[in-house]
Amino acid sequence: MDLSNPNVLYAASYQRRRQPWGFNGGGPGSAIWKTTDGAKTWTRLTGNGLPGNPIIGRIGLDVARSKPQTIYASIEVGPSGGTGAGVNDDGTLATPGQGRGGGRGAAPPPPDPNKSGIWRSDDAGKTWKFLSNTMDRPMYYSKIRIDPSNTEIAYQGGAPFFKTVHGGKTLSQVQGLAHSDHHAHWINPRDGNHLLVGNDGGPDVSYDQGARGSSQLHRGAREFNKETRTSETLLLVRGPQKNCVGGAPTGG
């Protein structure tokens, strides 16, 4: 939503079909939409720098609080393979994580607007500019969020957690998080230094934009489930989504 005009909203549609024997992610039904009349009518945004591939997958959007004309879009371009990482030029399944860069000791490939990546508009969606392919399994991690006071700073989810301080042109991995697979993140609208990052190990919190890693990021809670009763003692069994499980009697 454009916070200066609540009649202006942006939305993403996602064409997908999951069945017991396979997954079809992406198609002409995926798109970015805009309304200027409070959702009475919607216009599909096409061309003007957006991907030309008719097969578009999952799209993540965010509108800058400090400058509503600025929009970031994380767009999955092309067919999605069973890994959710897309397919290579020869049609084979891509390896998850290969969109992060060139690997150890290797330079990342040159930016390619025909592949999944990050786009940006600075005129409320009229025109778009391709920025980077640095992302990770866009059908699985789609959240992108802009700093509330600085449009050059943004964060992108993934198995690693990405951050840009150059308006999306380059992204780097935020170090020091205790777990991987970052699906959700929130920036305090009153303090851009304050972040919450939700991953498969639970939530992380930072008060310096993640700059000092483990010295500022700590585990606050985890996904807990399951309780069982043995005789008269209630046994609580708890564990995060991955890695460990613990339990203890409640004493009554």
C-alpha atoms as a PDB file:
ATOM      1  CA  MET A   1       0.000   0.000   0.000  1.00  0.00           C
ATOM      2  CA  ASP A   2       1.026   3.572  -0.698  1.00  0.00           C
ATOM      3  CA  LEU A   3       0.886   4.945   2.854  1.00  0.00           C
ATOM      4  CA  SER A   4       0.424   8.478   1.529  1.00  0.00           C
ATOM      5  CA  ASN A   5      -2.664   7.403  -0.451  1.00  0.00           C
ATOM      6  CA  PRO A   6      -4.552   4.292   0.744  1.00  0.00           C
ATOM      7  CA  ASN A   7      -6.418   4.067  -2.567  1.00  0.00           C
ATOM      8  CA  VAL A   8      -3.175   3.012  -4.241  1.00  0.00           C
ATOM      9  CA  LEU A   9      -2.319  -0.640  -3.695  1.00  0.00           C
ATOM     10  CA  TYR A  10      -0.150  -3.229  -5.404  1.00  0.00           C
ATOM     11  CA  ALA A  11      -0.734  -6.984  -5.467  1.00  0.00           C
ATOM     12  CA  ALA A  12       0.868 -10.060  -6.987  1.00  0.00           C
ATOM     13  CA  SER A  13      -0.971 -13.036  -8.455  1.00  0.00           C
ATOM     14  CA  TYR A  14       0.701 -16.441  -8.572  1.00  0.00           C
ATOM     15  CA  GLN A  15      -0.304 -19.194 -10.993  1.00  0.00           C
ATOM     16  CA  ARG A  16       0.573 -22.554  -9.513  1.00  0.00           C
ATOM     17  CA  ARG A  17      -0.773 -26.074  -9.148  1.00  0.00           C
ATOM     18  CA  ARG A  18       0.500 -28.708  -6.742  1.00  0.00           C
ATOM     19  CA  GLN A  19      -0.650 -32.299  -7.127  1.00  0.00           C
ATOM     20  CA  PRO A  20       0.428 -35.559  -5.447  1.00  0.00           C
ATOM     21  CA  TRP A  21       2.652 -36.420  -8.400  1.00  0.00           C
ATOM     22  CA  GLY A  22       4.120 -33.045  -9.273  1.00  0.00           C
ATOM     23  CA  PHE A  23       4.246 -29.294  -9.024  1.00  0.00           C
ATOM     24  CA  ASN A  24       3.526 -26.719 -11.718  1.00  0.00           C
ATOM     25  CA  GLY A  25       4.719 -23.316 -10.577  1.00  0.00           C
ATOM     26  CA  GLY A  26       4.404 -20.363 -12.904  1.00  0.00           C
ATOM     27  CA  GLY A  27       2.436 -19.250 -15.913  1.00  0.00           C
ATOM     28  CA  PRO A  28       0.749 -16.285 -17.606  1.00  0.00           C
ATOM     29  CA  GLY A  29      -1.548 -15.835 -14.608  1.00  0.00           C
ATOM     30  CA  SER A  30       1.302 -14.565 -12.446  1.00  0.00           C
ATOM     31  CA  ALA A  31       1.615 -10.781 -12.530  1.00  0.00           C
ATOM     32  CA  ILE A  32       1.899  -7.485 -10.664  1.00  0.00           C
ATOM     33  CA  TRP A  33      -1.326  -5.507 -10.334  1.00  0.00           C
ATOM     34  CA  LYS A  34      -2.081  -1.935  -9.298  1.00  0.00           C
ATOM     35  CA  THR A  35      -5.222  -0.101  -8.230  1.00  0.00           C
ATOM     36  CA  THR A  36      -5.641   3.640  -7.760  1.00  0.00           C
ATOM     37  CA  ASP A  37      -9.293   3.573  -6.713  1.00  0.00           C
ATOM     38  CA  GLY A  38      -9.219   1.512  -3.548  1.00  0.00           C
ATOM     39  CA  ALA A  39      -9.404  -1.902  -5.295  1.00  0.00           C
ATOM     40  CA  LYS A  40     -12.510  -1.152  -7.371  1.00  0.00           C
ATOM     41  CA  THR A  41     -10.493  -1.740 -10.543  1.00  0.00           C
ATOM     42  CA  TRP A  42      -7.033  -3.222 -11.135  1.00  0.00           C
ATOM     43  CA  THR A  43      -4.484  -2.753 -13.910  1.00  0.00           C
ATOM     44  CA  ARG A  44      -1.953  -5.402 -14.796  1.00  0.00           C
ATOM     45  CA  LEU A  45       1.565  -3.973 -15.013  1.00  0.00           C
ATOM     46  CA  THR A  46       3.453  -5.289 -18.045  1.00  0.00           C
ATOM     47  CA  GLY A  47       6.484  -4.337 -20.085  1.00  0.00           C
ATOM     48  CA  ASN A  48       8.410  -1.153 -19.313  1.00  0.00           C
ATOM     49  CA  GLY A  49      11.318  -3.133 -17.910  1.00  0.00           C
ATOM     50  CA  LEU A  50       9.432  -6.036 -16.319  1.00  0.00           C
ATOM     51  CA  PRO A  51      10.349  -9.583 -17.441  1.00  0.00           C
ATOM     52  CA  GLY A  52       9.060 -10.480 -20.899  1.00  0.00           C
ATOM     53  CA  ASN A  53       8.948 -14.228 -20.252  1.00  0.00           C
ATOM     54  CA  PRO A  54       5.289 -15.406 -20.338  1.00  0.00           C
ATOM     55  CA  ILE A  55       6.066 -17.903 -17.579  1.00  0.00           C
ATOM     56  CA  ILE A  56       6.288 -15.956 -14.318  1.00  0.00           C
ATOM     57  CA  GLY A  57       6.166 -17.594 -10.907  1.00  0.00           C
ATOM     58  CA  ARG A  58       5.988 -16.232  -7.394  1.00  0.00           C
ATOM     59  CA  ILE A  59       6.378 -12.488  -6.847  1.00  0.00           C
ATOM     60  CA  GLY A  60       7.261 -10.610  -3.675  1.00  0.00           C
ATOM     61  CA  LEU A  61       6.515  -6.876  -3.403  1.00  0.00           C
ATOM     62  CA  ASP A  62       7.211  -3.998  -1.067  1.00  0.00           C
ATOM     63  CA  VAL A  63       6.451  -0.276  -1.273  1.00  0.00           C
ATOM     64  CA  ALA A  64       8.840   2.138   0.439  1.00  0.00           C
ATOM     65  CA  ARG A  65       7.360   3.975   3.417  1.00  0.00           C
ATOM     66  CA  SER A  66       9.656   6.970   2.982  1.00  0.00           C
ATOM     67  CA  LYS A  67       9.067   7.255  -0.767  1.00  0.00           C
ATOM     68  CA  PRO A  68       5.949   5.414  -2.002  1.00  0.00           C
ATOM     69  CA  GLN A  69       7.006   5.829  -5.644  1.00  0.00           C
ATOM     70  CA  THR A  70       9.753   3.276  -4.966  1.00  0.00           C
ATOM     71  CA  ILE A  71       8.766  -0.388  -5.231  1.00  0.00           C
ATOM     72  CA  TYR A  72      10.931  -3.489  -5.054  1.00  0.00           C
ATOM     73  CA  ALA A  73       9.833  -6.745  -6.670  1.00  0.00           C
ATOM     74  CA  SER A  74      11.333 -10.192  -6.209  1.00  0.00           C
ATOM     75  CA  ILE A  75      10.250 -12.101  -9.323  1.00  0.00           C
ATOM     76  CA  GLU A  76      10.576 -15.765 -10.270  1.00  0.00           C
ATOM     77  CA  VAL A  77      11.148 -15.888 -14.027  1.00  0.00           C
ATOM     78  CA  GLY A  78      10.744 -19.025 -16.107  1.00  0.00           C
ATOM     79  CA  PRO A  79       9.535 -22.524 -15.201  1.00  0.00           C
ATOM     80  CA  SER A  80      10.036 -23.764 -11.656  1.00  0.00           C
ATOM     81  CA  GLY A  81      11.751 -27.110 -11.290  1.00  0.00           C
ATOM     82  CA  GLY A  82      10.889 -29.636  -8.621  1.00  0.00           C
ATOM     83  CA  THR A  83      13.572 -28.123  -6.406  1.00  0.00           C
ATOM     84  CA  GLY A  84      11.947 -24.697  -6.613  1.00  0.00           C
ATOM     85  CA  ALA A  85      15.206 -23.332  -7.981  1.00  0.00           C
ATOM     86  CA  GLY A  86      14.121 -23.160 -11.620  1.00  0.00           C
ATOM     87  CA  VAL A  87      15.675 -24.906 -14.582  1.00  0.00           C
ATOM     88  CA  ASN A  88      18.905 -24.441 -16.482  1.00  0.00           C
ATOM     89  CA  ASP A  89      19.099 -23.264 -20.087  1.00  0.00           C
ATOM     90  CA  ASP A  90      19.152 -26.898 -21.252  1.00  0.00           C
ATOM     91  CA  GLY A  91      15.999 -27.747 -19.290  1.00  0.00           C
ATOM     92  CA  THR A  92      17.696 -29.653 -16.475  1.00  0.00           C
ATOM     93  CA  LEU A  93      16.799 -28.882 -12.867  1.00  0.00           C
ATOM     94  CA  ALA A  94      18.833 -26.109 -11.298  1.00  0.00           C
ATOM     95  CA  THR A  95      20.620 -26.695  -8.011  1.00  0.00           C
ATOM     96  CA  PRO A  96      19.002 -24.863  -5.070  1.00  0.00           C
ATOM     97  CA  GLY A  97      21.134 -21.923  -4.010  1.00  0.00           C
ATOM     98  CA  GLN A  98      22.925 -21.422  -7.304  1.00  0.00           C
ATOM     99  CA  GLY A  99      21.308 -17.994  -7.632  1.00  0.00           C
ATOM    100  CA  ARG A 100      23.380 -16.754  -4.710  1.00  0.00           C
ATOM    101  CA  GLY A 101      26.494 -16.135  -6.753  1.00  0.00           C
ATOM    102  CA  GLY A 102      29.438 -17.952  -8.263  1.00  0.00           C
ATOM    103  CA  GLY A 103      30.328 -20.095  -5.272  1.00  0.00           C
ATOM    104  CA  ARG A 104      33.561 -20.163  -3.306  1.00  0.00           C
ATOM    105  CA  GLY A 105      36.383 -18.399  -5.091  1.00  0.00           C
ATOM    106  CA  ALA A 106      34.311 -17.778  -8.206  1.00  0.00           C
ATOM    107  CA  ALA A 107      32.925 -14.501  -9.451  1.00  0.00           C
ATOM    108  CA  PRO A 108      29.136 -14.378  -9.737  1.00  0.00           C
ATOM    109  CA  PRO A 109      27.763 -14.557 -13.268  1.00  0.00           C
ATOM    110  CA  PRO A 110      26.765 -11.274 -14.933  1.00  0.00           C
ATOM    111  CA  PRO A 111      23.216 -10.104 -14.143  1.00  0.00           C
ATOM    112  CA  ASP A 112      20.634 -11.632 -16.475  1.00  0.00           C
ATOM    113  CA  PRO A 113      17.154 -10.018 -16.674  1.00  0.00           C
ATOM    114  CA  ASN A 114      15.835 -13.174 -18.326  1.00  0.00           C
ATOM    115  CA  LYS A 115      16.236 -15.072 -15.050  1.00  0.00           C
ATOM    116  CA  SER A 116      14.759 -14.692 -11.577  1.00  0.00           C
ATOM    117  CA  GLY A 117      15.883 -11.639  -9.671  1.00  0.00           C
ATOM    118  CA  ILE A 118      15.130  -8.248  -8.158  1.00  0.00           C
ATOM    119  CA  TRP A 119      13.419  -5.378 -10.009  1.00  0.00           C
ATOM    120  CA  ARG A 120      12.826  -1.812  -8.854  1.00  0.00           C
ATOM    121  CA  SER A 121      10.511   1.015  -9.859  1.00  0.00           C
ATOM    122  CA  ASP A 122      10.971   4.646  -8.783  1.00  0.00           C
ATOM    123  CA  ASP A 123       7.868   6.023 -10.515  1.00  0.00           C
ATOM    124  CA  ALA A 124       5.057   4.035  -8.859  1.00  0.00           C
ATOM    125  CA  GLY A 125       5.265   1.115 -11.277  1.00  0.00           C
ATOM    126  CA  LYS A 126       5.336   2.964 -14.589  1.00  0.00           C
ATOM    127  CA  THR A 127       8.831   1.757 -15.452  1.00  0.00           C
ATOM    128  CA  TRP A 128      11.074  -0.882 -13.924  1.00  0.00           C
ATOM    129  CA  LYS A 129      14.793  -1.555 -13.760  1.00  0.00           C
ATOM    130  CA  PHE A 130      16.378  -4.965 -13.352  1.00  0.00           C
ATOM    131  CA  LEU A 131      18.919  -5.006 -10.523  1.00  0.00           C
ATOM    132  CA  SER A 132      20.284  -8.409  -9.558  1.00  0.00           C
ATOM    133  CA  ASN A 133      19.907 -12.192  -9.768  1.00  0.00           C
ATOM    134  CA  THR A 134      21.054 -12.628  -6.175  1.00  0.00           C
ATOM    135  CA  MET A 135      18.270 -14.599  -4.559  1.00  0.00           C
ATOM    136  CA  ASP A 136      17.505 -18.133  -3.459  1.00  0.00           C
ATOM    137  CA  ARG A 137      14.601 -20.349  -4.622  1.00  0.00           C
ATOM    138  CA  PRO A 138      12.069 -17.576  -5.320  1.00  0.00           C
ATOM    139  CA  MET A 139       9.099 -19.961  -5.263  1.00  0.00           C
ATOM    140  CA  TYR A 140      10.024 -20.760  -1.649  1.00  0.00           C
ATOM    141  CA  TYR A 141      11.413 -17.453  -0.344  1.00  0.00           C
ATOM    142  CA  SER A 142       9.570 -14.454  -1.745  1.00  0.00           C
ATOM    143  CA  LYS A 143       9.666 -11.829   1.017  1.00  0.00           C
ATOM    144  CA  ILE A 144      11.456  -8.567   0.223  1.00  0.00           C
ATOM    145  CA  ARG A 145      11.292  -5.594   2.585  1.00  0.00           C
ATOM    146  CA  ILE A 146      12.533  -1.995   2.308  1.00  0.00           C
ATOM    147  CA  ASP A 147      14.019   0.022   5.161  1.00  0.00           C
ATOM    148  CA  PRO A 148      11.379   2.504   6.426  1.00  0.00           C
ATOM    149  CA  SER A 149      13.600   5.568   6.026  1.00  0.00           C
ATOM    150  CA  ASN A 150      16.161   4.628   3.361  1.00  0.00           C
ATOM    151  CA  THR A 151      15.072   3.244  -0.021  1.00  0.00           C
ATOM    152  CA  GLU A 152      18.622   2.057  -0.741  1.00  0.00           C
ATOM    153  CA  ILE A 153      18.449  -0.538   2.052  1.00  0.00           C
ATOM    154  CA  ALA A 154      16.355  -3.676   1.586  1.00  0.00           C
ATOM    155  CA  TYR A 155      16.285  -7.299   2.756  1.00  0.00           C
ATOM    156  CA  GLN A 156      15.509 -10.497   0.846  1.00  0.00           C
ATOM    157  CA  GLY A 157      14.692 -13.884   2.345  1.00  0.00           C
ATOM    158  CA  GLY A 158      16.415 -17.109   1.395  1.00  0.00           C
ATOM    159  CA  ALA A 159      18.410 -19.995   2.840  1.00  0.00           C
ATOM    160  CA  PRO A 160      20.893 -17.242   3.646  1.00  0.00           C
ATOM    161  CA  PHE A 161      19.416 -13.850   4.527  1.00  0.00           C
ATOM    162  CA  PHE A 162      20.301 -11.096   2.022  1.00  0.00           C
ATOM    163  CA  LYS A 163      20.726  -7.342   2.463  1.00  0.00           C
ATOM    164  CA  THR A 164      21.429  -4.505   0.049  1.00  0.00           C
ATOM    165  CA  VAL A 165      22.658  -1.034   0.929  1.00  0.00           C
ATOM    166  CA  HIS A 166      23.068  -0.063  -2.735  1.00  0.00           C
ATOM    167  CA  GLY A 167      19.465   0.091  -3.860  1.00  0.00           C
ATOM    168  CA  GLY A 168      19.371  -3.567  -4.883  1.00  0.00           C
ATOM    169  CA  LYS A 169      22.327  -3.422  -7.281  1.00  0.00           C
ATOM    170  CA  THR A 170      24.355  -5.685  -5.009  1.00  0.00           C
ATOM    171  CA  LEU A 171      23.229  -7.927  -2.164  1.00  0.00           C
ATOM    172  CA  SER A 172      25.317  -9.599   0.515  1.00  0.00           C
ATOM    173  CA  GLN A 173      24.565 -12.314   3.019  1.00  0.00           C
ATOM    174  CA  VAL A 174      23.812 -11.238   6.590  1.00  0.00           C
ATOM    175  CA  GLN A 175      26.145 -13.180   8.856  1.00  0.00           C
ATOM    176  CA  GLY A 176      25.639 -14.435  12.379  1.00  0.00           C
ATOM    177  CA  LEU A 177      22.111 -15.801  12.208  1.00  0.00           C
ATOM    178  CA  ALA A 178      21.807 -19.014  14.177  1.00  0.00           C
ATOM    179  CA  HIS A 179      19.852 -20.878  11.499  1.00  0.00           C
ATOM    180  CA  SER A 180      19.085 -20.859   7.787  1.00  0.00           C
ATOM    181  CA  ASP A 181      15.860 -20.791   5.724  1.00  0.00           C
ATOM    182  CA  HIS A 182      14.609 -17.266   6.349  1.00  0.00           C
ATOM    183  CA  HIS A 183      10.955 -17.062   5.311  1.00  0.00           C
ATOM    184  CA  ALA A 184       9.744 -13.911   7.051  1.00  0.00           C
ATOM    185  CA  HIS A 185      11.238 -10.663   8.204  1.00  0.00           C
ATOM    186  CA  TRP A 186       9.911  -7.457   9.725  1.00  0.00           C
ATOM    187  CA  ILE A 187      11.469  -4.012  10.054  1.00  0.00           C
ATOM    188  CA  ASN A 188      10.308  -1.711  12.821  1.00  0.00           C
ATOM    189  CA  PRO A 189       8.593   1.176  10.974  1.00  0.00           C
ATOM    190  CA  ARG A 190       9.874   3.597  13.628  1.00  0.00           C
ATOM    191  CA  ASP A 191      13.422   2.246  13.806  1.00  0.00           C
ATOM    192  CA  GLY A 192      15.087   0.683  10.781  1.00  0.00           C
ATOM    193  CA  ASN A 193      17.849  -0.762  12.967  1.00  0.00           C
ATOM    194  CA  HIS A 194      15.359  -3.115  14.627  1.00  0.00           C
ATOM    195  CA  LEU A 195      14.760  -6.312  12.641  1.00  0.00           C
ATOM    196  CA  LEU A 196      12.952  -9.574  13.290  1.00  0.00           C
ATOM    197  CA  VAL A 197      13.864 -12.507  11.069  1.00  0.00           C
ATOM    198  CA  GLY A 198      11.817 -15.709  11.101  1.00  0.00           C
ATOM    199  CA  ASN A 199      13.523 -18.914   9.984  1.00  0.00           C
ATOM    200  CA  ASP A 200      13.249 -22.674  10.439  1.00  0.00           C
ATOM    201  CA  GLY A 201      15.050 -22.408  13.781  1.00  0.00           C
ATOM    202  CA  GLY A 202      12.777 -19.698  15.175  1.00  0.00           C
ATOM    203  CA  PRO A 203      12.965 -15.885  15.256  1.00  0.00           C
ATOM    204  CA  ASP A 204      16.126 -13.775  15.379  1.00  0.00           C
ATOM    205  CA  VAL A 205      16.226 -10.158  16.484  1.00  0.00           C
ATOM    206  CA  SER A 206      18.750  -7.439  15.685  1.00  0.00           C
ATOM    207  CA  TYR A 207      19.060  -3.826  16.792  1.00  0.00           C
ATOM    208  CA  ASP A 208      21.771  -2.807  14.317  1.00  0.00           C
ATOM    209  CA  GLN A 209      20.436  -4.044  10.942  1.00  0.00           C
ATOM    210  CA  GLY A 210      22.228  -7.356  11.508  1.00  0.00           C
ATOM    211  CA  ALA A 211      25.631  -5.681  11.277  1.00  0.00           C
ATOM    212  CA  ARG A 212      27.262  -7.374  14.278  1.00  0.00           C
ATOM    213  CA  GLY A 213      25.928 -10.834  13.690  1.00  0.00           C
ATOM    214  CA  SER A 214      25.790 -13.155  16.667  1.00  0.00           C
ATOM    215  CA  SER A 215      26.605 -10.413  19.154  1.00  0.00           C
ATOM    216  CA  GLN A 216      23.282  -8.789  18.353  1.00  0.00           C
ATOM    217  CA  LEU A 217      21.183 -11.638  16.990  1.00  0.00           C
ATOM    218  CA  HIS A 218      19.719 -13.997  19.561  1.00  0.00           C
ATOM    219  CA  ARG A 219      17.144 -16.719  19.764  1.00  0.00           C
ATOM    220  CA  GLY A 220      13.929 -15.496  21.325  1.00  0.00           C
ATOM    221  CA  ALA A 221      11.502 -18.374  20.762  1.00  0.00           C
ATOM    222  CA  ARG A 222      10.903 -21.410  18.598  1.00  0.00           C
ATOM    223  CA  GLU A 223       8.114 -23.385  17.069  1.00  0.00           C
ATOM    224  CA  PHE A 224       6.887 -25.660  19.849  1.00  0.00           C
ATOM    225  CA  ASN A 225       4.362 -28.420  19.552  1.00  0.00           C
ATOM    226  CA  LYS A 226       3.178 -31.687  21.020  1.00  0.00           C
ATOM    227  CA  GLU A 227       2.223 -32.512  24.551  1.00  0.00           C
ATOM    228  CA  THR A 228       1.530 -35.914  26.035  1.00  0.00           C
ATOM    229  CA  ARG A 229       0.332 -37.227  29.390  1.00  0.00           C
ATOM    230  CA  THR A 230       1.872 -40.196  31.190  1.00  0.00           C
ATOM    231  CA  SER A 231      -0.073 -41.206  34.300  1.00  0.00           C
ATOM    232  CA  GLU A 232      -0.664 -37.996  36.237  1.00  0.00           C
ATOM    233  CA  THR A 233       2.388 -36.129  34.919  1.00  0.00           C
ATOM    234  CA  LEU A 234       2.031 -33.862  31.902  1.00  0.00           C
ATOM    235  CA  LEU A 235       5.073 -34.184  29.698  1.00  0.00           C
ATOM    236  CA  LEU A 236       5.760 -31.251  27.373  1.00  0.00           C
ATOM    237  CA  VAL A 237       7.777 -32.114  24.280  1.00  0.00           C
ATOM    238  CA  ARG A 238       9.045 -29.169  22.347  1.00  0.00           C
ATOM    239  CA  GLY A 239      11.279 -28.549  19.389  1.00  0.00           C
ATOM    240  CA  PRO A 240      11.972 -26.126  16.574  1.00  0.00           C
ATOM    241  CA  GLN A 241      11.082 -26.993  13.001  1.00  0.00           C
ATOM    242  CA  LYS A 242      14.493 -28.589  12.643  1.00  0.00           C
ATOM    243  CA  ASN A 243      17.552 -29.775  14.534  1.00  0.00           C
ATOM    244  CA  CYS A 244      16.516 -30.728  18.073  1.00  0.00           C
ATOM    245  CA  VAL A 245      13.740 -31.885  20.331  1.00  0.00           C
ATOM    246  CA  GLY A 246      13.525 -31.583  24.112  1.00  0.00           C
ATOM    247  CA  GLY A 247      11.031 -32.525  26.774  1.00  0.00           C
ATOM    248  CA  ALA A 248      10.421 -32.222  30.477  1.00  0.00           C
ATOM    249  CA  PRO A 249       7.733 -33.128  33.001  1.00  0.00           C
ATOM    250  CA  THR A 250       5.686 -30.206  34.301  1.00  0.00           C
ATOM    251  CA  GLY A 251       5.555 -31.573  37.824  1.00  0.00           C
ATOM    252  CA  GLY A 252       1.808 -31.830  38.009  1.00  0.00           C
END
